[in-house]
C-alpha atoms as a PDB file:
ATOM      1  CA  MET A   1      11.441  33.771 -23.700  1.00  0.00           C
ATOM      2  CA  TYR A   2      13.746  32.102 -26.235  1.00  0.00           C
ATOM      3  CA  ALA A   3      16.466  31.840 -23.609  1.00  0.00           C
ATOM      4  CA  ASN A   4      14.086  29.886 -21.349  1.00  0.00           C
ATOM      5  CA  GLU A   5      13.117  27.563 -24.197  1.00  0.00           C
ATOM      6  CA  VAL A   6      16.775  26.918 -25.013  1.00  0.00           C
ATOM      7  CA  ALA A   7      17.495  26.197 -21.341  1.00  0.00           C
ATOM      8  CA  GLN A   8      14.599  23.741 -21.204  1.00  0.00           C
ATOM      9  CA  GLN A   9      15.770  22.028 -24.389  1.00  0.00           C
ATOM     10  CA  ARG A  10      19.279  21.684 -22.974  1.00  0.00           C
ATOM     11  CA  LYS A  11      17.876  20.283 -19.745  1.00  0.00           C
ATOM     12  CA  MET A  12      15.813  17.753 -21.694  1.00  0.00           C
ATOM     13  CA  CYS A  13      18.764  16.721 -23.826  1.00  0.00           C
ATOM     14  CA  HIS A  14      20.917  16.271 -20.723  1.00  0.00           C
ATOM     15  CA  LEU A  15      18.236  14.082 -19.115  1.00  0.00           C
ATOM     16  CA  ILE A  16      17.856  11.951 -22.251  1.00  0.00           C
ATOM     17  CA  LEU A  17      21.622  11.527 -22.559  1.00  0.00           C
ATOM     18  CA  LYS A  18      21.906  10.555 -18.895  1.00  0.00           C
ATOM     19  CA  SER A  19      19.067   8.053 -19.333  1.00  0.00           C
ATOM     20  CA  GLN A  20      20.720   6.607 -22.444  1.00  0.00           C
ATOM     21  CA  LEU A  21      23.993   6.078 -20.589  1.00  0.00           C
ATOM     22  CA  ALA A  22      22.179   4.446 -17.664  1.00  0.00           C
ATOM     23  CA  LEU A  23      20.326   2.037 -19.944  1.00  0.00           C
ATOM     24  CA  GLU A  24      23.534   1.199 -21.827  1.00  0.00           C
ATOM     25  CA  GLN A  25      25.073   0.223 -18.495  1.00  0.00           C
ATOM     26  CA  VAL A  26      22.059  -1.993 -17.779  1.00  0.00           C
ATOM     27  CA  THR A  27      22.481  -3.655 -21.185  1.00  0.00           C
ATOM     28  CA  LEU A  28      26.165  -4.268 -20.497  1.00  0.00           C
ATOM     29  CA  ARG A  29      25.367  -5.820 -17.111  1.00  0.00           C
ATOM     30  CA  LEU A  30      22.786  -8.160 -18.598  1.00  0.00           C
ATOM     31  CA  GLU A  31      25.150  -9.203 -21.386  1.00  0.00           C
ATOM     32  CA  THR A  32      27.820 -10.162 -18.839  1.00  0.00           C
ATOM     33  CA  VAL A  33      25.602 -12.657 -16.979  1.00  0.00           C
ATOM     34  CA  ARG A  34      27.300 -15.995 -17.439  1.00  0.00           C
ATOM     35  CA  GLU A  35      26.074 -18.054 -14.501  1.00  0.00           C
ATOM     36  CA  PHE A  36      22.629 -18.568 -13.033  1.00  0.00           C
ATOM     37  CA  GLY A  37      23.911 -17.476  -9.625  1.00  0.00           C
ATOM     38  CA  ASP A  38      24.783 -14.050 -11.015  1.00  0.00           C
ATOM     39  CA  ILE A  39      21.152 -13.213 -11.731  1.00  0.00           C
ATOM     40  CA  ALA A  40      20.360 -11.806  -8.281  1.00  0.00           C
ATOM     41  CA  LYS A  41      23.448  -9.573  -8.339  1.00  0.00           C
ATOM     42  CA  VAL A  42      22.671  -8.178 -11.784  1.00  0.00           C
ATOM     43  CA  LEU A  43      18.881  -8.026 -12.106  1.00  0.00           C
ATOM     44  CA  GLY A  44      18.244  -6.192  -8.832  1.00  0.00           C
ATOM     45  CA  PRO A  45      20.329  -3.101  -9.702  1.00  0.00           C
ATOM     46  CA  ALA A  46      19.132  -3.308 -13.323  1.00  0.00           C
ATOM     47  CA  MET A  47      15.487  -3.151 -12.238  1.00  0.00           C
ATOM     48  CA  ASN A  48      16.189  -0.168 -10.014  1.00  0.00           C
ATOM     49  CA  THR A  49      17.931   1.679 -12.868  1.00  0.00           C
ATOM     50  CA  VAL A  50      15.133   0.964 -15.346  1.00  0.00           C
ATOM     51  CA  LEU A  51      12.497   2.163 -12.889  1.00  0.00           C
ATOM     52  CA  GLN A  52      14.468   5.329 -12.112  1.00  0.00           C
ATOM     53  CA  VAL A  53      14.846   6.166 -15.803  1.00  0.00           C
ATOM     54  CA  GLN A  54      11.171   5.394 -16.383  1.00  0.00           C
ATOM     55  CA  THR A  55      10.198   7.820 -13.612  1.00  0.00           C
ATOM     56  CA  GLU A  56      12.456  10.594 -14.932  1.00  0.00           C
ATOM     57  CA  ILE A  57      11.696  10.367 -18.629  1.00  0.00           C
ATOM     58  CA  GLY A  58       8.183   8.904 -18.726  1.00  0.00           C
ATOM     59  CA  GLY A  59       6.539  12.310 -18.504  1.00  0.00           C
ATOM     60  CA  LEU A  60       8.651  13.696 -21.349  1.00  0.00           C
ATOM     61  CA  VAL A  61       8.379  10.735 -23.709  1.00  0.00           C
ATOM     62  CA  PRO A  62       5.351   8.596 -22.683  1.00  0.00           C
ATOM     63  CA  GLU A  63       6.062   5.925 -25.331  1.00  0.00           C
ATOM     64  CA  VAL A  64       9.528   5.330 -23.872  1.00  0.00           C
ATOM     65  CA  GLY A  65       8.078   5.214 -20.367  1.00  0.00           C
ATOM     66  CA  MET A  66       5.600   2.519 -21.410  1.00  0.00           C
ATOM     67  CA  GLY A  67       8.350   0.495 -23.053  1.00  0.00           C
ATOM     68  CA  LEU A  68      10.538   0.700 -19.949  1.00  0.00           C
ATOM     69  CA  SER A  69       7.585  -0.383 -17.813  1.00  0.00           C
ATOM     70  CA  LYS A  70       7.284  -3.565 -19.893  1.00  0.00           C
ATOM     71  CA  ILE A  71      11.024  -4.205 -19.540  1.00  0.00           C
ATOM     72  CA  ASP A  72      10.791  -3.737 -15.763  1.00  0.00           C
ATOM     73  CA  ASP A  73       7.886  -6.207 -15.627  1.00  0.00           C
ATOM     74  CA  MET A  74       9.896  -8.801 -17.588  1.00  0.00           C
ATOM     75  CA  LEU A  75      12.926  -8.401 -15.313  1.00  0.00           C
ATOM     76  CA  ALA A  76      10.725  -8.770 -12.232  1.00  0.00           C
ATOM     77  CA  SER A  77       9.158 -11.944 -13.632  1.00  0.00           C
ATOM     78  CA  LEU A  78      12.623 -13.356 -14.351  1.00  0.00           C
ATOM     79  CA  MET A  79      13.721 -12.620 -10.788  1.00  0.00           C
ATOM     80  CA  VAL A  80      10.722 -14.422  -9.354  1.00  0.00           C
ATOM     81  CA  GLU A  81      11.087 -17.404 -11.702  1.00  0.00           C
ATOM     82  CA  ALA A  82      14.749 -17.668 -10.799  1.00  0.00           C
ATOM     83  CA  GLY A  83      13.832 -17.755  -7.125  1.00  0.00           C
ATOM     84  CA  SER A  84      16.611 -15.279  -6.418  1.00  0.00           C
ATOM     85  CA  ILE A  85      14.624 -12.223  -5.411  1.00  0.00           C
ATOM     86  CA  SER A  86      14.656 -12.884  -1.650  1.00  0.00           C
ATOM     87  CA  GLY A  87      17.166 -10.744   0.201  1.00  0.00           C
ATOM     88  CA  GLU A  88      17.462  -8.187  -2.607  1.00  0.00           C
ATOM     89  CA  THR A  89      16.758  -4.486  -2.094  1.00  0.00           C
ATOM     90  CA  LEU A  90      14.421  -3.451  -4.894  1.00  0.00           C
ATOM     91  CA  THR A  91      12.093  -0.670  -5.955  1.00  0.00           C
ATOM     92  CA  VAL A  92       8.595  -1.650  -7.062  1.00  0.00           C
ATOM     93  CA  ARG A  93       5.500   0.208  -8.164  1.00  0.00           C
ATOM     94  CA  GLY A  94       2.015  -1.215  -7.895  1.00  0.00           C
ATOM     95  CA  GLN A  95      -1.607  -0.637  -7.069  1.00  0.00           C
ATOM     96  CA  VAL A  96      -2.903  -1.460  -3.606  1.00  0.00           C
ATOM     97  CA  VAL A  97      -5.544  -4.173  -3.969  1.00  0.00           C
ATOM     98  CA  ARG A  98      -5.849  -5.228  -0.313  1.00  0.00           C
ATOM     99  CA  ALA A  99      -5.099  -3.720   3.091  1.00  0.00           C
ATOM    100  CA  ALA A 100      -4.905  -5.276   6.541  1.00  0.00           C
ATOM    101  CA  SER A 101      -3.465  -4.652   9.982  1.00  0.00           C
ATOM    102  CA  PHE A 102      -1.365  -6.828  12.242  1.00  0.00           C
ATOM    103  CA  SER A 103      -0.163  -6.328  15.785  1.00  0.00           C
ATOM    104  CA  ALA A 104       2.969  -4.369  14.860  1.00  0.00           C
ATOM    105  CA  GLY A 105       1.846  -2.492  11.751  1.00  0.00           C
ATOM    106  CA  PHE A 106      -0.032  -2.728   8.472  1.00  0.00           C
ATOM    107  CA  LYS A 107       0.085  -4.835   5.321  1.00  0.00           C
ATOM    108  CA  PHE A 108      -0.815  -3.876   1.758  1.00  0.00           C
ATOM    109  CA  THR A 109      -0.934  -6.127  -1.299  1.00  0.00           C
ATOM    110  CA  LEU A 110       0.627  -4.459  -4.349  1.00  0.00           C
ATOM    111  CA  ASP A 111      -0.236  -5.562  -7.883  1.00  0.00           C
ATOM    112  CA  ASP A 112       1.764  -4.352 -10.904  1.00  0.00           C
ATOM    113  CA  GLY A 113      -0.164  -6.309 -13.514  1.00  0.00           C
ATOM    114  CA  THR A 114       2.325  -9.189 -13.630  1.00  0.00           C
ATOM    115  CA  GLY A 115       2.035 -10.388 -10.058  1.00  0.00           C
ATOM    116  CA  GLN A 116       1.576  -9.395  -6.444  1.00  0.00           C
ATOM    117  CA  ILE A 117       3.816  -8.712  -3.474  1.00  0.00           C
ATOM    118  CA  LEU A 118       2.997  -7.911   0.138  1.00  0.00           C
ATOM    119  CA  LEU A 119       4.099  -4.490   1.382  1.00  0.00           C
ATOM    120  CA  LEU A 120       4.793  -4.727   5.102  1.00  0.00           C
ATOM    121  CA  LEU A 121       4.997  -1.479   7.059  1.00  0.00           C
ATOM    122  CA  TRP A 122       6.039  -1.466  10.697  1.00  0.00           C
ATOM    123  CA  GLY A 123       4.046   1.004  12.771  1.00  0.00           C
ATOM    124  CA  GLU A 124       6.731   3.686  12.970  1.00  0.00           C
ATOM    125  CA  VAL A 125       7.308   3.507   9.210  1.00  0.00           C
ATOM    126  CA  TYR A 126       3.572   3.721   8.470  1.00  0.00           C
ATOM    127  CA  ASP A 127       3.240   6.792  10.702  1.00  0.00           C
ATOM    128  CA  GLY A 128       5.863   8.698   8.753  1.00  0.00           C
ATOM    129  CA  VAL A 129       4.561   8.030   5.233  1.00  0.00           C
ATOM    130  CA  VAL A 130       3.619  11.240   3.426  1.00  0.00           C
ATOM    131  CA  ASP A 131      -0.096  11.142   2.494  1.00  0.00           C
ATOM    132  CA  VAL A 132      -0.593   8.017   4.572  1.00  0.00           C
ATOM    133  CA  VAL A 133      -4.337   8.747   4.435  1.00  0.00           C
ATOM    134  CA  GLY A 134      -4.240   7.948   0.723  1.00  0.00           C
ATOM    135  CA  LEU A 135      -2.428   4.646   1.267  1.00  0.00           C
ATOM    136  CA  ASN A 136      -5.486   2.478   0.861  1.00  0.00           C
ATOM    137  CA  VAL A 137      -7.053   0.175  -1.702  1.00  0.00           C
ATOM    138  CA  GLY A 138      -6.853   1.786  -5.131  1.00  0.00           C
ATOM    139  CA  ALA A 139      -3.680   3.774  -4.397  1.00  0.00           C
ATOM    140  CA  THR A 140      -0.557   3.607  -6.557  1.00  0.00           C
ATOM    141  CA  ALA A 141       2.618   3.359  -4.503  1.00  0.00           C
ATOM    142  CA  LEU A 142       6.333   3.413  -5.297  1.00  0.00           C
ATOM    143  CA  VAL A 143       8.222   1.396  -2.688  1.00  0.00           C
ATOM    144  CA  ALA A 144      11.880   0.593  -2.008  1.00  0.00           C
ATOM    145  CA  GLY A 145      12.827  -2.112   0.459  1.00  0.00           C
ATOM    146  CA  GLU A 146      14.290  -5.513   1.124  1.00  0.00           C
ATOM    147  CA  VAL A 147      12.410  -8.417  -0.382  1.00  0.00           C
ATOM    148  CA  GLY A 148      11.906 -11.529   1.695  1.00  0.00           C
ATOM    149  CA  GLU A 149       9.604 -14.494   1.976  1.00  0.00           C
ATOM    150  CA  TYR A 150       7.287 -15.348   4.855  1.00  0.00           C
ATOM    151  CA  GLU A 151       5.118 -18.460   4.875  1.00  0.00           C
ATOM    152  CA  GLY A 152       5.587 -18.823   1.130  1.00  0.00           C
ATOM    153  CA  GLU A 153       4.580 -15.245   0.325  1.00  0.00           C
ATOM    154  CA  LEU A 154       6.898 -12.597  -1.098  1.00  0.00           C
ATOM    155  CA  GLN A 155       7.005  -9.370   0.875  1.00  0.00           C
ATOM    156  CA  ILE A 156       8.864  -6.083   0.608  1.00  0.00           C
ATOM    157  CA  VAL A 157       9.800  -4.244   3.795  1.00  0.00           C
ATOM    158  CA  PRO A 158      10.837  -0.562   3.584  1.00  0.00           C
ATOM    159  CA  ALA A 159      13.322   0.499   6.241  1.00  0.00           C
ATOM    160  CA  GLU A 160      12.112   4.095   6.423  1.00  0.00           C
ATOM    161  CA  ALA A 161       8.993   6.107   5.661  1.00  0.00           C
ATOM    162  CA  LYS A 162      10.773   7.978   2.865  1.00  0.00           C
ATOM    163  CA  ASP A 163      11.045   4.677   1.006  1.00  0.00           C
ATOM    164  CA  VAL A 164       7.272   4.781   0.415  1.00  0.00           C
ATOM    165  CA  THR A 165       5.741   7.261  -2.021  1.00  0.00           C
ATOM    166  CA  VAL A 166       1.988   7.427  -2.557  1.00  0.00           C
ATOM    167  CA  GLU A 167       1.838   8.509  -6.200  1.00  0.00           C
ATOM    168  CA  ALA A 168      -1.959   8.392  -6.423  1.00  0.00           C
ATOM    169  CA  ALA A 169      -4.267   8.192  -3.422  1.00  0.00           C
ATOM    170  CA  GLY A 170      -6.791   5.397  -3.039  1.00  0.00           C
ATOM    171  CA  ASP A 171     -10.353   5.759  -1.785  1.00  0.00           C
ATOM    172  CA  GLY A 172     -10.428   2.333  -0.161  1.00  0.00           C
ATOM    173  CA  PRO A 173     -12.529  -0.678  -1.114  1.00  0.00           C
ATOM    174  CA  TYR A 174     -16.213  -0.271  -1.844  1.00  0.00           C
ATOM    175  CA  ALA A 175     -18.228  -0.773   1.333  1.00  0.00           C
ATOM    176  CA  PRO A 176     -22.010  -0.343   0.980  1.00  0.00           C
ATOM    177  CA  ARG A 177     -23.798   1.611   3.712  1.00  0.00           C
ATOM    178  CA  ARG A 178     -25.904  -0.710   5.849  1.00  0.00           C
ATOM    179  CA  GLU A 179     -28.417  -0.266   8.633  1.00  0.00           C
ATOM    180  CA  ILE A 180     -26.980  -1.845  11.746  1.00  0.00           C
ATOM    181  CA  GLY A 181     -30.126  -3.878  12.449  1.00  0.00           C
ATOM    182  CA  GLY A 182     -29.939  -5.392   8.988  1.00  0.00           C
ATOM    183  CA  LEU A 183     -26.566  -7.069   9.606  1.00  0.00           C
ATOM    184  CA  SER A 184     -26.590 -10.817  10.152  1.00  0.00           C
ATOM    185  CA  ALA A 185     -24.325 -13.861  10.158  1.00  0.00           C
ATOM    186  CA  ALA A 186     -24.872 -14.025   6.396  1.00  0.00           C
ATOM    187  CA  ASP A 187     -22.787 -10.841   6.081  1.00  0.00           C
ATOM    188  CA  VAL A 188     -19.687 -12.329   7.718  1.00  0.00           C
ATOM    189  CA  GLY A 189     -16.681 -11.805   5.442  1.00  0.00           C
ATOM    190  CA  THR A 190     -18.170  -8.837   3.576  1.00  0.00           C
ATOM    191  CA  LEU A 191     -17.250  -5.161   3.764  1.00  0.00           C
ATOM    192  CA  VAL A 192     -19.855  -2.701   5.049  1.00  0.00           C
ATOM    193  CA  GLU A 193     -20.092   0.894   6.190  1.00  0.00           C
ATOM    194  CA  VAL A 194     -22.118   1.745   9.264  1.00  0.00           C
ATOM    195  CA  GLU A 195     -22.900   4.998  11.041  1.00  0.00           C
ATOM    196  CA  GLY A 196     -24.258   5.581  14.509  1.00  0.00           C
ATOM    197  CA  ASP A 197     -23.832   7.033  17.976  1.00  0.00           C
ATOM    198  CA  VAL A 198     -21.376   5.556  20.463  1.00  0.00           C
ATOM    199  CA  SER A 199     -23.268   3.953  23.333  1.00  0.00           C
ATOM    200  CA  ARG A 200     -20.191   2.673  25.174  1.00  0.00           C
ATOM    201  CA  ALA A 201     -16.495   1.924  24.681  1.00  0.00           C
ATOM    202  CA  GLU A 202     -14.560  -0.824  26.442  1.00  0.00           C
ATOM    203  CA  GLY A 203     -10.835  -1.452  26.316  1.00  0.00           C
ATOM    204  CA  PHE A 204      -9.413  -4.975  26.264  1.00  0.00           C
ATOM    205  CA  SER A 205      -5.906  -6.414  26.178  1.00  0.00           C
ATOM    206  CA  SER A 206      -5.467  -6.050  22.411  1.00  0.00           C
ATOM    207  CA  GLY A 207      -7.568  -3.041  21.543  1.00  0.00           C
ATOM    208  CA  LEU A 208     -10.913  -1.333  21.966  1.00  0.00           C
ATOM    209  CA  TYR A 209     -14.557  -2.319  21.609  1.00  0.00           C
ATOM    210  CA  VAL A 210     -16.755   0.581  20.502  1.00  0.00           C
ATOM    211  CA  TYR A 211     -20.487  -0.047  20.441  1.00  0.00           C
ATOM    212  CA  ILE A 212     -22.493   2.128  18.061  1.00  0.00           C
ATOM    213  CA  THR A 213     -26.249   2.303  17.592  1.00  0.00           C
ATOM    214  CA  ASP A 214     -28.622   3.641  14.977  1.00  0.00           C
ATOM    215  CA  ASP A 215     -32.413   3.524  14.847  1.00  0.00           C
ATOM    216  CA  THR A 216     -32.308  -0.174  13.924  1.00  0.00           C
ATOM    217  CA  GLY A 217     -29.856  -1.735  16.373  1.00  0.00           C
ATOM    218  CA  GLU A 218     -26.374  -1.905  17.883  1.00  0.00           C
ATOM    219  CA  VAL A 219     -23.110  -3.339  16.590  1.00  0.00           C
ATOM    220  CA  GLN A 220     -19.626  -3.734  18.008  1.00  0.00           C
ATOM    221  CA  LEU A 221     -16.682  -2.043  16.310  1.00  0.00           C
ATOM    222  CA  LEU A 222     -13.509  -4.005  16.989  1.00  0.00           C
ATOM    223  CA  LEU A 223     -10.494  -1.710  16.844  1.00  0.00           C
ATOM    224  CA  TRP A 224      -7.211  -3.547  17.240  1.00  0.00           C
ATOM    225  CA  GLN A 225      -4.726  -1.526  19.272  1.00  0.00           C
ATOM    226  CA  ASN A 226      -2.592  -0.396  16.355  1.00  0.00           C
ATOM    227  CA  VAL A 227      -5.757   0.870  14.629  1.00  0.00           C
ATOM    228  CA  ALA A 228      -7.305   2.411  17.758  1.00  0.00           C
ATOM    229  CA  ASP A 229      -4.098   4.319  18.547  1.00  0.00           C
ATOM    230  CA  ARG A 230      -4.149   6.008  15.128  1.00  0.00           C
ATOM    231  CA  VAL A 231      -7.824   6.842  14.577  1.00  0.00           C
ATOM    232  CA  PRO A 232      -8.052  10.607  13.937  1.00  0.00           C
ATOM    233  CA  ASP A 233      -9.670  12.211  16.998  1.00  0.00           C
ATOM    234  CA  GLY A 234      -9.714   8.782  18.587  1.00  0.00           C
ATOM    235  CA  GLU A 235      -9.911  10.319  22.056  1.00  0.00           C
ATOM    236  CA  LYS A 236     -13.464  11.403  21.132  1.00  0.00           C
ATOM    237  CA  LEU A 237     -14.684   7.801  20.840  1.00  0.00           C
ATOM    238  CA  VAL A 238     -16.846   8.206  23.924  1.00  0.00           C
ATOM    239  CA  PRO A 239     -20.581   7.829  24.554  1.00  0.00           C
ATOM    240  CA  GLY A 240     -22.536  10.349  22.516  1.00  0.00           C
ATOM    241  CA  ALA A 241     -20.014  10.674  19.694  1.00  0.00           C
ATOM    242  CA  ARG A 242     -21.207  10.163  16.131  1.00  0.00           C
ATOM    243  CA  VAL A 243     -19.095   7.681  14.186  1.00  0.00           C
ATOM    244  CA  ARG A 244     -18.888   6.373  10.641  1.00  0.00           C
ATOM    245  CA  ALA A 245     -16.812   3.242  10.042  1.00  0.00           C
ATOM    246  CA  ALA A 246     -16.039   0.843   7.211  1.00  0.00           C
ATOM    247  CA  GLY A 247     -14.826  -2.663   7.898  1.00  0.00           C
ATOM    248  CA  GLU A 248     -15.271  -6.380   7.501  1.00  0.00           C
ATOM    249  CA  VAL A 249     -18.125  -8.119   9.256  1.00  0.00           C
ATOM    250  CA  GLU A 250     -16.943 -10.824  11.636  1.00  0.00           C
ATOM    251  CA  GLU A 251     -18.596 -12.898  14.339  1.00  0.00           C
ATOM    252  CA  TYR A 252     -17.074 -13.817  17.691  1.00  0.00           C
ATOM    253  CA  ARG A 253     -18.939 -15.976  20.161  1.00  0.00           C
ATOM    254  CA  GLY A 254     -22.264 -15.042  18.655  1.00  0.00           C
ATOM    255  CA  THR A 255     -21.529 -11.304  18.556  1.00  0.00           C
ATOM    256  CA  LEU A 256     -21.385  -9.513  15.207  1.00  0.00           C
ATOM    257  CA  GLN A 257     -18.431  -7.172  14.794  1.00  0.00           C
ATOM    258  CA  VAL A 258     -17.379  -4.630  12.196  1.00  0.00           C
ATOM    259  CA  VAL A 259     -13.574  -4.621  12.011  1.00  0.00           C
ATOM    260  CA  PRO A 260     -11.908  -1.603  10.302  1.00  0.00           C
ATOM    261  CA  ARG A 261      -8.630  -2.513   8.629  1.00  0.00           C
ATOM    262  CA  LEU A 262      -6.977   0.915   8.773  1.00  0.00           C
ATOM    263  CA  PRO A 263      -7.187   3.878  11.179  1.00  0.00           C
ATOM    264  CA  PHE A 264      -8.695   6.136   8.531  1.00  0.00           C
ATOM    265  CA  ASP A 265     -11.574   3.700   8.021  1.00  0.00           C
ATOM    266  CA  VAL A 266     -13.010   5.215  11.206  1.00  0.00           C
ATOM    267  CA  GLU A 267     -14.321   8.790  11.200  1.00  0.00           C
ATOM    268  CA  VAL A 268     -15.501  10.670  14.274  1.00  0.00           C
ATOM    269  CA  LEU A 269     -18.194  12.976  12.896  1.00  0.00           C
ATOM    270  CA  ARG A 270     -18.934  14.873  16.111  1.00  0.00           C
END
């Protein structure tokens, strides 16, 4: 028993020493910054080192982990203020506060308490993420990727699925259960959950229309192709199937639609 305790103590001491050396290197790098143009070259690797040390030692010494988190936040803010973050490969951790789909993949807004950045996942990257079901609003994710800017918005784009770690799963945004017949144009822009039987399904150029009914009425589920292709048991979305779906209420040419943002917002019950 004592031998195991000694081994654990040695392991802990080795980790702390390694972390100390890593942070001393970060300090040396920061002290050598002489020109504004050097910031991007120095702060990017420094942020990655701080986050790595925080991950390794935070569980052993929580107070140190919290302090390193504040340092990482300050470095990130400095990068943004300097306008030199674009093009850097960084590691960030944040909570998912919004989710959306686009034609070639999915987008998630990460918030670390100091600001927000858009996480862009191409379809093939999204498919390979471990615990992708938990990658929804409320999740905590650790992401490595290249940072860029699109239409004035910062975004981080992982090259591979292994660059995305879902540290804590999210349950998705709150969507109150509604009777289908109670939906109206006044609900446009809100999130709802509906449940009913599929009456018909119709494909179109960019996805799939699934019409579901309950005792109060009928509504159209609009599944964009990248969502429709990934719905679990999606091949069962045929007349007679029972479906539960959460999504945003939209209106197109007088027709109310419920538009799920992610594949796992649609559940085939039977």
